[in-house]
Amino acid sequence: MSSTTTHIVDDDPAVRDALQWLLQSRGVSSRTWESASDFLAFARRDLCGCLLLDVRMPGMSGIELFDRLRALRCRLPVIFLTGHGDVPMAVQALKDGAFDFIEKPYDDNALVDKVLAAIVQDTKRSARDDSMLLMEQKLSQLTQREQDVMQRILAGKLNKVIADELGIAMRTVEVHRSRIFEKMKVRSAVELSQMLNLLADKSES
C-alpha cells in the first residue's frame, strides 16, 4: 500500500506553495504538481491520500484529469478548487464521484478539514481493498478439487451427496472440507459464503 499523500495540482506556483504550507501546518504530507498532465503521468491505481485539484488550468483541465483518473480506476478522493463560475462543473463532478469542492477564496481550516475527511475515507477504502486482496489470495490456494467441493458446500449439499457427485469417498470430502476451511481461514460454511459474497460484490462494483 502506498503512503498517504495529498497531491496538489495547480498551475499557479504561489497557490501550490500556500496550500503545501497550510497542509504541513496541520501535519499533512503533500506533493505539488504544476500541471494535470504531470500528475497523470505519475498516477497509479494504488495511490492513497487525497487530490486537491484546480478546475481551470492551461492544457488539460482539472475536470479532464478527473475523467482520465476514473478511466484508470484511480480512486484517490478528489477535492476540486473552483472559482465561482466553475461551481456547476464541480457539482457535476460530485455526481461523477468527486469527494467535494471548495470555492475560492476558501477558508484555510475548512479546506484542511475536508482534506483530512477525504484521507480518512480513503484509508478505510484502502483497508477494504487490502482485505479483499487477501481473500483472493486465499482463494487462489485452493486446488481444483477443493474448489469443486467448495461450490457444493456453498450449495448446502451434504458430504454424502458431494461424495456421490464427485465419485469420491465421504472421508475424502471431509478432508477437503477441512483443508478448504483452513486455507480460507473460516470456521463454517456460513463464514465461507459471506467471504465469497463480499468478493462477488467487489467484482461487480
N, C-alpha and C. Protein backbone atom coordinates (compact mmCIF):
# COMPACT_ATOMS: atom_id res chain seq x y z
N MET A 1 0.84 -1.18 0.00
CA MET A 1 0.00 0.00 0.00
C MET A 1 0.88 1.24 0.00
N SER A 2 0.54 2.25 -0.81
CA SER A 2 1.31 3.47 -0.88
C SER A 2 1.14 4.28 0.40
N SER A 3 2.14 5.14 0.70
CA SER A 3 2.00 6.03 1.84
C SER A 3 0.95 7.09 1.52
N THR A 4 0.35 7.65 2.57
CA THR A 4 -0.73 8.63 2.39
C THR A 4 -0.15 10.00 2.07
N THR A 5 -0.54 10.54 0.92
CA THR A 5 -0.04 11.85 0.48
C THR A 5 -1.19 12.64 -0.14
N THR A 6 -1.23 13.94 0.14
CA THR A 6 -2.17 14.82 -0.55
C THR A 6 -1.46 15.46 -1.72
N HIS A 7 -1.96 15.23 -2.92
CA HIS A 7 -1.35 15.77 -4.13
C HIS A 7 -2.07 17.07 -4.51
N ILE A 8 -1.29 18.11 -4.74
CA ILE A 8 -1.82 19.43 -5.08
C ILE A 8 -1.50 19.70 -6.55
N VAL A 9 -2.54 19.84 -7.37
CA VAL A 9 -2.33 20.10 -8.79
C VAL A 9 -2.91 21.47 -9.12
N ASP A 10 -2.02 22.43 -9.40
CA ASP A 10 -2.43 23.81 -9.69
C ASP A 10 -1.32 24.46 -10.51
N ASP A 11 -1.70 25.22 -11.53
CA ASP A 11 -0.68 25.83 -12.39
C ASP A 11 -0.05 27.07 -11.76
N ASP A 12 -0.61 27.58 -10.67
CA ASP A 12 -0.09 28.79 -10.00
C ASP A 12 0.87 28.38 -8.89
N PRO A 13 2.17 28.69 -9.05
CA PRO A 13 3.15 28.26 -8.03
C PRO A 13 2.87 28.85 -6.65
N ALA A 14 2.34 30.08 -6.60
CA ALA A 14 2.04 30.70 -5.31
C ALA A 14 0.94 29.93 -4.59
N VAL A 15 -0.06 29.47 -5.34
CA VAL A 15 -1.15 28.68 -4.75
C VAL A 15 -0.62 27.34 -4.27
N ARG A 16 0.21 26.70 -5.09
CA ARG A 16 0.78 25.41 -4.68
C ARG A 16 1.56 25.54 -3.38
N ASP A 17 2.42 26.56 -3.31
CA ASP A 17 3.24 26.74 -2.12
C ASP A 17 2.39 27.04 -0.89
N ALA A 18 1.36 27.88 -1.07
CA ALA A 18 0.49 28.24 0.06
C ALA A 18 -0.27 27.02 0.58
N LEU A 19 -0.77 26.21 -0.35
CA LEU A 19 -1.51 25.02 0.06
C LEU A 19 -0.59 24.01 0.74
N GLN A 20 0.62 23.85 0.21
CA GLN A 20 1.55 22.91 0.82
C GLN A 20 1.92 23.36 2.24
N TRP A 21 2.15 24.66 2.41
CA TRP A 21 2.48 25.18 3.74
C TRP A 21 1.30 24.98 4.69
N LEU A 22 0.10 25.25 4.21
CA LEU A 22 -1.10 25.09 5.03
C LEU A 22 -1.26 23.65 5.50
N LEU A 23 -1.12 22.70 4.59
CA LEU A 23 -1.25 21.29 4.95
C LEU A 23 -0.15 20.86 5.91
N GLN A 24 1.06 21.34 5.67
CA GLN A 24 2.18 20.99 6.54
C GLN A 24 1.93 21.48 7.96
N SER A 25 1.27 22.65 8.10
CA SER A 25 0.99 23.21 9.42
C SER A 25 0.04 22.33 10.22
N ARG A 26 -0.71 21.46 9.53
CA ARG A 26 -1.62 20.54 10.20
C ARG A 26 -1.10 19.09 10.14
N GLY A 27 0.16 18.94 9.76
CA GLY A 27 0.77 17.62 9.77
C GLY A 27 0.39 16.72 8.61
N VAL A 28 -0.06 17.32 7.50
CA VAL A 28 -0.49 16.54 6.34
C VAL A 28 0.62 16.53 5.29
N SER A 29 1.09 15.34 4.94
CA SER A 29 2.13 15.21 3.91
C SER A 29 1.56 15.54 2.54
N SER A 30 2.31 16.30 1.74
CA SER A 30 1.78 16.69 0.42
C SER A 30 2.89 16.73 -0.63
N ARG A 31 2.44 16.75 -1.87
CA ARG A 31 3.34 16.88 -3.02
C ARG A 31 2.66 17.74 -4.05
N THR A 32 3.41 18.60 -4.73
CA THR A 32 2.80 19.54 -5.67
C THR A 32 3.12 19.18 -7.11
N TRP A 33 2.17 19.56 -7.99
CA TRP A 33 2.29 19.31 -9.43
C TRP A 33 1.82 20.56 -10.16
N GLU A 34 2.58 20.96 -11.20
CA GLU A 34 2.24 22.22 -11.88
C GLU A 34 1.27 22.03 -13.04
N SER A 35 0.99 20.79 -13.39
CA SER A 35 0.04 20.56 -14.48
C SER A 35 -0.68 19.23 -14.28
N ALA A 36 -1.86 19.15 -14.88
CA ALA A 36 -2.65 17.91 -14.82
C ALA A 36 -1.91 16.78 -15.53
N SER A 37 -1.27 17.09 -16.63
CA SER A 37 -0.58 16.04 -17.39
C SER A 37 0.60 15.47 -16.61
N ASP A 38 1.28 16.31 -15.82
CA ASP A 38 2.39 15.81 -14.99
C ASP A 38 1.88 14.82 -13.96
N PHE A 39 0.77 15.16 -13.32
CA PHE A 39 0.24 14.24 -12.32
C PHE A 39 -0.29 12.96 -12.97
N LEU A 40 -0.93 13.09 -14.13
CA LEU A 40 -1.47 11.93 -14.81
C LEU A 40 -0.37 10.93 -15.14
N ALA A 41 0.82 11.44 -15.52
CA ALA A 41 1.94 10.56 -15.85
C ALA A 41 2.42 9.79 -14.62
N PHE A 42 2.16 10.34 -13.44
CA PHE A 42 2.59 9.72 -12.19
C PHE A 42 1.52 8.79 -11.61
N ALA A 43 0.26 9.08 -11.91
CA ALA A 43 -0.88 8.44 -11.23
C ALA A 43 -0.86 6.92 -11.37
N ARG A 44 -1.23 6.25 -10.26
CA ARG A 44 -1.36 4.80 -10.24
C ARG A 44 -2.64 4.45 -9.47
N ARG A 45 -3.10 3.24 -9.68
CA ARG A 45 -4.34 2.81 -9.01
C ARG A 45 -4.18 2.70 -7.51
N ASP A 46 -2.94 2.48 -7.03
CA ASP A 46 -2.77 2.22 -5.60
C ASP A 46 -2.41 3.46 -4.80
N LEU A 47 -2.56 4.65 -5.38
CA LEU A 47 -2.27 5.87 -4.63
C LEU A 47 -3.23 6.01 -3.46
N CYS A 48 -2.70 6.49 -2.33
CA CYS A 48 -3.53 6.68 -1.12
C CYS A 48 -3.38 8.11 -0.63
N GLY A 49 -4.49 8.69 -0.20
CA GLY A 49 -4.45 10.04 0.34
C GLY A 49 -5.59 10.88 -0.20
N CYS A 50 -5.23 11.93 -0.96
CA CYS A 50 -6.22 12.88 -1.45
C CYS A 50 -5.62 13.66 -2.61
N LEU A 51 -6.48 14.22 -3.45
CA LEU A 51 -6.04 15.05 -4.57
C LEU A 51 -6.76 16.39 -4.51
N LEU A 52 -5.98 17.47 -4.33
CA LEU A 52 -6.52 18.84 -4.41
C LEU A 52 -6.29 19.32 -5.83
N LEU A 53 -7.37 19.59 -6.54
CA LEU A 53 -7.28 19.78 -7.98
C LEU A 53 -7.97 21.07 -8.43
N ASP A 54 -7.19 21.95 -9.06
CA ASP A 54 -7.77 23.17 -9.61
C ASP A 54 -8.59 22.83 -10.85
N VAL A 55 -9.74 23.45 -11.00
CA VAL A 55 -10.60 23.16 -12.14
C VAL A 55 -10.00 23.70 -13.43
N ARG A 56 -9.60 24.96 -13.41
CA ARG A 56 -9.13 25.61 -14.64
C ARG A 56 -7.61 25.69 -14.67
N MET A 57 -7.01 25.01 -15.67
CA MET A 57 -5.57 25.06 -15.87
C MET A 57 -5.28 25.03 -17.37
N PRO A 58 -4.14 25.59 -17.78
CA PRO A 58 -3.77 25.50 -19.20
C PRO A 58 -3.56 24.05 -19.61
N GLY A 59 -3.83 23.73 -20.87
CA GLY A 59 -3.68 22.35 -21.32
C GLY A 59 -4.82 21.52 -20.79
N MET A 60 -4.49 20.45 -20.10
CA MET A 60 -5.52 19.57 -19.54
C MET A 60 -6.16 20.21 -18.30
N SER A 61 -7.47 20.33 -18.30
CA SER A 61 -8.17 20.93 -17.16
C SER A 61 -8.29 19.92 -16.02
N GLY A 62 -8.68 20.44 -14.86
CA GLY A 62 -8.90 19.56 -13.72
C GLY A 62 -9.99 18.54 -13.98
N ILE A 63 -11.06 18.97 -14.66
CA ILE A 63 -12.16 18.06 -14.97
C ILE A 63 -11.69 16.95 -15.91
N GLU A 64 -10.88 17.32 -16.90
CA GLU A 64 -10.35 16.30 -17.82
C GLU A 64 -9.47 15.30 -17.08
N LEU A 65 -8.63 15.80 -16.16
CA LEU A 65 -7.78 14.91 -15.38
C LEU A 65 -8.64 13.97 -14.53
N PHE A 66 -9.68 14.49 -13.92
CA PHE A 66 -10.59 13.68 -13.11
C PHE A 66 -11.19 12.55 -13.94
N ASP A 67 -11.61 12.87 -15.15
CA ASP A 67 -12.18 11.85 -16.03
C ASP A 67 -11.14 10.78 -16.40
N ARG A 68 -9.92 11.23 -16.67
CA ARG A 68 -8.85 10.29 -17.03
C ARG A 68 -8.51 9.37 -15.85
N LEU A 69 -8.50 9.93 -14.64
CA LEU A 69 -8.20 9.14 -13.46
C LEU A 69 -9.28 8.09 -13.21
N ARG A 70 -10.52 8.47 -13.44
CA ARG A 70 -11.62 7.49 -13.28
C ARG A 70 -11.46 6.36 -14.29
N ALA A 71 -11.04 6.71 -15.52
CA ALA A 71 -10.83 5.68 -16.54
C ALA A 71 -9.70 4.73 -16.13
N LEU A 72 -8.72 5.25 -15.39
CA LEU A 72 -7.60 4.43 -14.92
C LEU A 72 -7.97 3.67 -13.64
N ARG A 73 -9.18 3.91 -13.12
CA ARG A 73 -9.65 3.31 -11.86
C ARG A 73 -8.77 3.71 -10.69
N CYS A 74 -8.21 4.93 -10.78
CA CYS A 74 -7.50 5.53 -9.66
C CYS A 74 -8.56 6.15 -8.75
N ARG A 75 -8.69 5.62 -7.53
CA ARG A 75 -9.80 6.03 -6.67
C ARG A 75 -9.39 7.03 -5.59
N LEU A 76 -8.34 7.76 -5.84
CA LEU A 76 -7.91 8.82 -4.93
C LEU A 76 -9.04 9.84 -4.78
N PRO A 77 -9.47 10.17 -3.56
CA PRO A 77 -10.53 11.17 -3.40
C PRO A 77 -10.10 12.52 -3.98
N VAL A 78 -10.97 13.15 -4.75
CA VAL A 78 -10.66 14.41 -5.41
C VAL A 78 -11.46 15.55 -4.81
N ILE A 79 -10.76 16.60 -4.37
CA ILE A 79 -11.40 17.83 -3.92
C ILE A 79 -11.04 18.91 -4.93
N PHE A 80 -12.06 19.45 -5.60
CA PHE A 80 -11.83 20.49 -6.60
C PHE A 80 -11.74 21.87 -5.94
N LEU A 81 -10.80 22.68 -6.44
CA LEU A 81 -10.71 24.09 -6.07
C LEU A 81 -11.33 24.88 -7.22
N THR A 82 -12.40 25.60 -6.94
CA THR A 82 -13.18 26.21 -8.02
C THR A 82 -13.36 27.71 -7.84
N GLY A 83 -13.42 28.40 -8.97
CA GLY A 83 -13.89 29.78 -8.98
C GLY A 83 -15.41 29.76 -9.05
N HIS A 84 -16.03 30.92 -8.87
CA HIS A 84 -17.50 30.97 -8.82
C HIS A 84 -18.14 30.38 -10.08
N GLY A 85 -17.56 30.67 -11.24
CA GLY A 85 -18.14 30.20 -12.49
C GLY A 85 -17.97 28.71 -12.72
N ASP A 86 -17.13 28.07 -11.89
CA ASP A 86 -16.86 26.64 -12.07
C ASP A 86 -17.77 25.75 -11.23
N VAL A 87 -18.62 26.35 -10.40
CA VAL A 87 -19.43 25.57 -9.47
C VAL A 87 -20.31 24.53 -10.19
N PRO A 88 -21.00 24.87 -11.28
CA PRO A 88 -21.81 23.84 -11.96
C PRO A 88 -20.98 22.63 -12.40
N MET A 89 -19.76 22.89 -12.89
CA MET A 89 -18.89 21.77 -13.28
C MET A 89 -18.51 20.93 -12.07
N ALA A 90 -18.24 21.61 -10.95
CA ALA A 90 -17.85 20.90 -9.74
C ALA A 90 -19.01 20.06 -9.21
N VAL A 91 -20.21 20.59 -9.29
CA VAL A 91 -21.39 19.83 -8.84
C VAL A 91 -21.56 18.58 -9.68
N GLN A 92 -21.36 18.69 -10.99
CA GLN A 92 -21.44 17.53 -11.86
C GLN A 92 -20.36 16.51 -11.51
N ALA A 93 -19.16 17.02 -11.16
CA ALA A 93 -18.06 16.13 -10.78
C ALA A 93 -18.42 15.37 -9.50
N LEU A 94 -19.13 16.02 -8.59
CA LEU A 94 -19.59 15.33 -7.37
C LEU A 94 -20.49 14.16 -7.74
N LYS A 95 -21.39 14.39 -8.68
CA LYS A 95 -22.28 13.32 -9.14
C LYS A 95 -21.49 12.18 -9.77
N ASP A 96 -20.33 12.53 -10.35
CA ASP A 96 -19.50 11.53 -11.02
C ASP A 96 -18.50 10.87 -10.07
N GLY A 97 -18.54 11.26 -8.78
CA GLY A 97 -17.70 10.57 -7.82
C GLY A 97 -16.63 11.38 -7.13
N ALA A 98 -16.53 12.69 -7.41
CA ALA A 98 -15.56 13.52 -6.69
C ALA A 98 -15.95 13.58 -5.20
N PHE A 99 -14.97 13.80 -4.35
CA PHE A 99 -15.24 13.83 -2.90
C PHE A 99 -15.95 15.12 -2.51
N ASP A 100 -15.47 16.26 -3.01
CA ASP A 100 -16.06 17.56 -2.63
C ASP A 100 -15.45 18.64 -3.51
N PHE A 101 -15.96 19.88 -3.35
CA PHE A 101 -15.30 21.02 -3.99
C PHE A 101 -15.31 22.19 -3.03
N ILE A 102 -14.31 23.04 -3.18
CA ILE A 102 -14.17 24.22 -2.33
C ILE A 102 -14.07 25.44 -3.23
N GLU A 103 -14.92 26.41 -2.96
CA GLU A 103 -14.96 27.61 -3.79
C GLU A 103 -13.94 28.63 -3.28
N LYS A 104 -13.21 29.23 -4.21
CA LYS A 104 -12.24 30.28 -3.87
C LYS A 104 -12.98 31.60 -3.65
N PRO A 105 -12.50 32.46 -2.74
CA PRO A 105 -11.43 32.20 -1.76
C PRO A 105 -11.93 31.25 -0.67
N TYR A 106 -11.09 30.37 -0.23
CA TYR A 106 -11.52 29.34 0.71
C TYR A 106 -11.01 29.64 2.12
N ASP A 107 -11.71 29.06 3.09
CA ASP A 107 -11.30 29.14 4.49
C ASP A 107 -10.24 28.06 4.74
N ASP A 108 -9.10 28.46 5.26
CA ASP A 108 -7.98 27.53 5.42
C ASP A 108 -8.35 26.31 6.24
N ASN A 109 -8.95 26.53 7.40
CA ASN A 109 -9.28 25.41 8.28
C ASN A 109 -10.31 24.49 7.65
N ALA A 110 -11.30 25.08 6.98
CA ALA A 110 -12.33 24.26 6.33
C ALA A 110 -11.72 23.40 5.25
N LEU A 111 -10.76 23.96 4.51
CA LEU A 111 -10.11 23.19 3.45
C LEU A 111 -9.34 22.00 4.03
N VAL A 112 -8.55 22.24 5.07
CA VAL A 112 -7.77 21.15 5.65
C VAL A 112 -8.70 20.10 6.27
N ASP A 113 -9.79 20.55 6.88
CA ASP A 113 -10.76 19.60 7.45
C ASP A 113 -11.31 18.67 6.38
N LYS A 114 -11.58 19.23 5.20
CA LYS A 114 -12.09 18.39 4.11
C LYS A 114 -11.02 17.42 3.61
N VAL A 115 -9.79 17.89 3.55
CA VAL A 115 -8.69 17.02 3.14
C VAL A 115 -8.55 15.86 4.13
N LEU A 116 -8.61 16.16 5.41
CA LEU A 116 -8.49 15.12 6.43
C LEU A 116 -9.64 14.12 6.34
N ALA A 117 -10.85 14.63 6.08
CA ALA A 117 -12.02 13.74 5.92
C ALA A 117 -11.84 12.82 4.71
N ALA A 118 -11.29 13.38 3.63
CA ALA A 118 -11.05 12.58 2.43
C ALA A 118 -10.00 11.50 2.69
N ILE A 119 -8.97 11.85 3.45
CA ILE A 119 -7.91 10.88 3.78
C ILE A 119 -8.47 9.74 4.63
N VAL A 120 -9.33 10.08 5.60
CA VAL A 120 -9.96 9.05 6.44
C VAL A 120 -10.77 8.09 5.57
N GLN A 121 -11.56 8.66 4.65
CA GLN A 121 -12.37 7.83 3.76
C GLN A 121 -11.48 6.93 2.91
N ASP A 122 -10.39 7.48 2.40
CA ASP A 122 -9.52 6.70 1.52
C ASP A 122 -8.77 5.62 2.29
N THR A 123 -8.41 5.92 3.54
CA THR A 123 -7.74 4.92 4.37
C THR A 123 -8.65 3.72 4.60
N LYS A 124 -9.93 3.98 4.85
CA LYS A 124 -10.90 2.89 5.03
C LYS A 124 -11.06 2.10 3.74
N ARG A 125 -11.14 2.80 2.61
CA ARG A 125 -11.27 2.13 1.32
C ARG A 125 -10.05 1.26 1.04
N SER A 126 -8.86 1.79 1.36
CA SER A 126 -7.63 1.05 1.12
C SER A 126 -7.58 -0.21 1.98
N ALA A 127 -8.04 -0.09 3.24
CA ALA A 127 -8.06 -1.26 4.13
C ALA A 127 -9.01 -2.33 3.59
N ARG A 128 -10.16 -1.89 3.05
CA ARG A 128 -11.11 -2.85 2.45
C ARG A 128 -10.46 -3.55 1.25
N ASP A 129 -9.76 -2.77 0.44
CA ASP A 129 -9.10 -3.35 -0.73
C ASP A 129 -8.04 -4.38 -0.32
N ASP A 130 -7.29 -4.06 0.73
CA ASP A 130 -6.27 -4.99 1.22
C ASP A 130 -6.92 -6.28 1.70
N SER A 131 -8.06 -6.14 2.38
CA SER A 131 -8.77 -7.30 2.88
C SER A 131 -9.27 -8.18 1.72
N MET A 132 -9.79 -7.52 0.68
CA MET A 132 -10.27 -8.26 -0.49
C MET A 132 -9.12 -8.98 -1.20
N LEU A 133 -7.97 -8.32 -1.29
CA LEU A 133 -6.81 -8.93 -1.93
C LEU A 133 -6.38 -10.17 -1.17
N LEU A 134 -6.42 -10.10 0.17
CA LEU A 134 -6.06 -11.25 1.00
C LEU A 134 -7.03 -12.41 0.75
N MET A 135 -8.33 -12.09 0.64
CA MET A 135 -9.32 -13.13 0.35
C MET A 135 -9.04 -13.79 -0.99
N GLU A 136 -8.72 -12.98 -1.99
CA GLU A 136 -8.45 -13.52 -3.33
C GLU A 136 -7.22 -14.42 -3.31
N GLN A 137 -6.21 -14.04 -2.52
CA GLN A 137 -5.00 -14.86 -2.41
C GLN A 137 -5.31 -16.21 -1.76
N LYS A 138 -6.17 -16.18 -0.73
CA LYS A 138 -6.57 -17.44 -0.09
C LYS A 138 -7.30 -18.33 -1.09
N LEU A 139 -8.20 -17.72 -1.86
CA LEU A 139 -9.00 -18.48 -2.82
C LEU A 139 -8.11 -19.14 -3.87
N SER A 140 -7.06 -18.43 -4.26
CA SER A 140 -6.17 -18.95 -5.31
C SER A 140 -5.36 -20.16 -4.83
N GLN A 141 -5.30 -20.37 -3.52
CA GLN A 141 -4.54 -21.50 -2.98
C GLN A 141 -5.31 -22.82 -3.07
N LEU A 142 -6.61 -22.74 -3.35
CA LEU A 142 -7.41 -23.96 -3.41
C LEU A 142 -7.11 -24.75 -4.69
N THR A 143 -7.02 -26.07 -4.56
CA THR A 143 -6.87 -26.91 -5.74
C THR A 143 -8.20 -26.97 -6.49
N GLN A 144 -8.17 -27.50 -7.71
CA GLN A 144 -9.41 -27.60 -8.49
C GLN A 144 -10.42 -28.50 -7.77
N ARG A 145 -9.96 -29.60 -7.20
CA ARG A 145 -10.88 -30.50 -6.49
C ARG A 145 -11.47 -29.80 -5.26
N GLU A 146 -10.64 -29.03 -4.57
CA GLU A 146 -11.15 -28.29 -3.40
C GLU A 146 -12.20 -27.26 -3.84
N GLN A 147 -11.98 -26.64 -4.99
CA GLN A 147 -12.98 -25.69 -5.50
C GLN A 147 -14.28 -26.41 -5.84
N ASP A 148 -14.17 -27.61 -6.42
CA ASP A 148 -15.36 -28.41 -6.73
C ASP A 148 -16.15 -28.72 -5.46
N VAL A 149 -15.42 -29.13 -4.43
CA VAL A 149 -16.07 -29.45 -3.15
C VAL A 149 -16.67 -28.18 -2.54
N MET A 150 -15.92 -27.06 -2.61
CA MET A 150 -16.38 -25.81 -2.02
C MET A 150 -17.70 -25.36 -2.64
N GLN A 151 -17.81 -25.43 -3.96
CA GLN A 151 -19.05 -25.00 -4.61
C GLN A 151 -20.24 -25.82 -4.13
N ARG A 152 -20.02 -27.08 -3.87
CA ARG A 152 -21.12 -27.93 -3.39
C ARG A 152 -21.43 -27.68 -1.92
N ILE A 153 -20.40 -27.34 -1.16
CA ILE A 153 -20.64 -26.95 0.24
C ILE A 153 -21.50 -25.69 0.28
N LEU A 154 -21.16 -24.73 -0.58
CA LEU A 154 -21.90 -23.47 -0.62
C LEU A 154 -23.34 -23.68 -1.09
N ALA A 155 -23.54 -24.72 -1.87
CA ALA A 155 -24.91 -25.04 -2.33
C ALA A 155 -25.70 -25.78 -1.24
N GLY A 156 -25.06 -26.03 -0.09
CA GLY A 156 -25.75 -26.65 1.02
C GLY A 156 -25.85 -28.17 0.93
N LYS A 157 -25.03 -28.77 0.11
CA LYS A 157 -25.11 -30.22 -0.06
C LYS A 157 -24.37 -30.95 1.06
N LEU A 158 -24.92 -32.08 1.46
CA LEU A 158 -24.31 -32.91 2.49
C LEU A 158 -23.06 -33.60 1.95
N ASN A 159 -22.16 -33.98 2.85
CA ASN A 159 -20.92 -34.66 2.46
C ASN A 159 -21.19 -35.89 1.60
N LYS A 160 -22.22 -36.67 1.98
CA LYS A 160 -22.54 -37.89 1.24
C LYS A 160 -22.93 -37.57 -0.21
N VAL A 161 -23.72 -36.52 -0.38
CA VAL A 161 -24.15 -36.11 -1.72
C VAL A 161 -22.96 -35.64 -2.54
N ILE A 162 -22.08 -34.86 -1.91
CA ILE A 162 -20.88 -34.37 -2.59
C ILE A 162 -20.01 -35.55 -3.03
N ALA A 163 -19.86 -36.51 -2.13
CA ALA A 163 -19.05 -37.69 -2.44
C ALA A 163 -19.62 -38.44 -3.64
N ASP A 164 -20.95 -38.60 -3.67
CA ASP A 164 -21.59 -39.30 -4.78
C ASP A 164 -21.40 -38.55 -6.10
N GLU A 165 -21.58 -37.23 -6.04
CA GLU A 165 -21.48 -36.42 -7.27
C GLU A 165 -20.06 -36.43 -7.84
N LEU A 166 -19.06 -36.43 -6.95
CA LEU A 166 -17.67 -36.35 -7.40
C LEU A 166 -17.02 -37.73 -7.53
N GLY A 167 -17.75 -38.78 -7.09
CA GLY A 167 -17.21 -40.13 -7.19
C GLY A 167 -16.03 -40.38 -6.28
N ILE A 168 -16.08 -39.80 -5.08
CA ILE A 168 -15.00 -39.98 -4.11
C ILE A 168 -15.60 -40.43 -2.78
N ALA A 169 -14.75 -40.87 -1.88
CA ALA A 169 -15.22 -41.33 -0.57
C ALA A 169 -15.67 -40.16 0.29
N MET A 170 -16.63 -40.41 1.18
CA MET A 170 -17.13 -39.35 2.04
C MET A 170 -16.01 -38.83 2.95
N ARG A 171 -15.11 -39.73 3.36
CA ARG A 171 -13.98 -39.31 4.19
C ARG A 171 -13.10 -38.33 3.42
N THR A 172 -12.95 -38.54 2.13
CA THR A 172 -12.15 -37.63 1.29
C THR A 172 -12.81 -36.25 1.24
N VAL A 173 -14.13 -36.23 1.15
CA VAL A 173 -14.85 -34.95 1.16
C VAL A 173 -14.59 -34.22 2.48
N GLU A 174 -14.60 -34.98 3.57
CA GLU A 174 -14.37 -34.38 4.89
C GLU A 174 -12.97 -33.76 4.97
N VAL A 175 -11.99 -34.47 4.38
CA VAL A 175 -10.62 -33.95 4.36
C VAL A 175 -10.55 -32.67 3.54
N HIS A 176 -11.19 -32.68 2.37
CA HIS A 176 -11.21 -31.48 1.52
C HIS A 176 -11.89 -30.32 2.24
N ARG A 177 -13.02 -30.60 2.89
CA ARG A 177 -13.74 -29.55 3.62
C ARG A 177 -12.83 -28.91 4.69
N SER A 178 -12.13 -29.76 5.42
CA SER A 178 -11.23 -29.27 6.46
C SER A 178 -10.13 -28.39 5.87
N ARG A 179 -9.57 -28.83 4.75
CA ARG A 179 -8.50 -28.05 4.11
C ARG A 179 -9.01 -26.73 3.55
N ILE A 180 -10.21 -26.75 3.00
CA ILE A 180 -10.82 -25.52 2.47
C ILE A 180 -10.99 -24.50 3.60
N PHE A 181 -11.56 -24.94 4.72
CA PHE A 181 -11.77 -24.03 5.85
C PHE A 181 -10.44 -23.51 6.38
N GLU A 182 -9.43 -24.38 6.40
CA GLU A 182 -8.11 -23.97 6.90
C GLU A 182 -7.48 -22.93 5.98
N LYS A 183 -7.51 -23.18 4.68
CA LYS A 183 -6.90 -22.25 3.73
C LYS A 183 -7.64 -20.91 3.68
N MET A 184 -8.95 -20.95 3.78
CA MET A 184 -9.75 -19.72 3.70
C MET A 184 -9.88 -19.02 5.06
N LYS A 185 -9.35 -19.68 6.11
CA LYS A 185 -9.37 -19.12 7.47
C LYS A 185 -10.81 -18.84 7.92
N VAL A 186 -11.68 -19.81 7.72
CA VAL A 186 -13.07 -19.71 8.19
C VAL A 186 -13.39 -20.93 9.05
N ARG A 187 -14.48 -20.81 9.83
CA ARG A 187 -14.84 -21.91 10.73
C ARG A 187 -16.13 -22.61 10.31
N SER A 188 -16.81 -22.04 9.30
CA SER A 188 -18.09 -22.64 8.90
C SER A 188 -18.40 -22.31 7.45
N ALA A 189 -19.38 -23.03 6.91
CA ALA A 189 -19.82 -22.76 5.54
C ALA A 189 -20.46 -21.37 5.45
N VAL A 190 -21.08 -20.92 6.54
CA VAL A 190 -21.70 -19.58 6.56
C VAL A 190 -20.63 -18.50 6.40
N GLU A 191 -19.54 -18.61 7.16
CA GLU A 191 -18.45 -17.64 7.03
C GLU A 191 -17.86 -17.66 5.62
N LEU A 192 -17.70 -18.86 5.09
CA LEU A 192 -17.16 -19.01 3.73
C LEU A 192 -18.07 -18.32 2.72
N SER A 193 -19.37 -18.50 2.86
CA SER A 193 -20.33 -17.88 1.96
C SER A 193 -20.28 -16.37 2.06
N GLN A 194 -20.18 -15.85 3.28
CA GLN A 194 -20.11 -14.40 3.47
C GLN A 194 -18.86 -13.82 2.81
N MET A 195 -17.74 -14.52 2.95
CA MET A 195 -16.50 -14.05 2.35
C MET A 195 -16.62 -13.99 0.82
N LEU A 196 -17.15 -15.03 0.22
CA LEU A 196 -17.25 -15.07 -1.23
C LEU A 196 -18.29 -14.08 -1.75
N ASN A 197 -19.32 -13.80 -0.96
CA ASN A 197 -20.30 -12.78 -1.35
C ASN A 197 -19.66 -11.41 -1.39
N LEU A 198 -18.76 -11.13 -0.42
CA LEU A 198 -18.04 -9.86 -0.42
C LEU A 198 -17.17 -9.72 -1.67
N LEU A 199 -16.50 -10.80 -2.04
CA LEU A 199 -15.68 -10.78 -3.26
C LEU A 199 -16.53 -10.56 -4.49
N ALA A 200 -17.69 -11.20 -4.53
CA ALA A 200 -18.59 -11.04 -5.69
C ALA A 200 -19.09 -9.60 -5.79
N ASP A 201 -19.42 -9.00 -4.64
CA ASP A 201 -19.90 -7.61 -4.64
C ASP A 201 -18.81 -6.69 -5.15
N LYS A 202 -17.56 -6.96 -4.75
CA LYS A 202 -16.44 -6.11 -5.17
C LYS A 202 -16.25 -6.20 -6.69
N SER A 203 -16.33 -7.40 -7.23
CA SER A 203 -16.08 -7.58 -8.66
C SER A 203 -17.16 -6.90 -9.50
N GLU A 204 -18.34 -6.72 -8.92
CA GLU A 204 -19.44 -6.08 -9.67
C GLU A 204 -19.42 -4.57 -9.54
N SER A 205 -18.64 -4.04 -8.55
CA SER A 205 -18.63 -2.59 -8.32
C SER A 205 -17.67 -1.89 -9.26
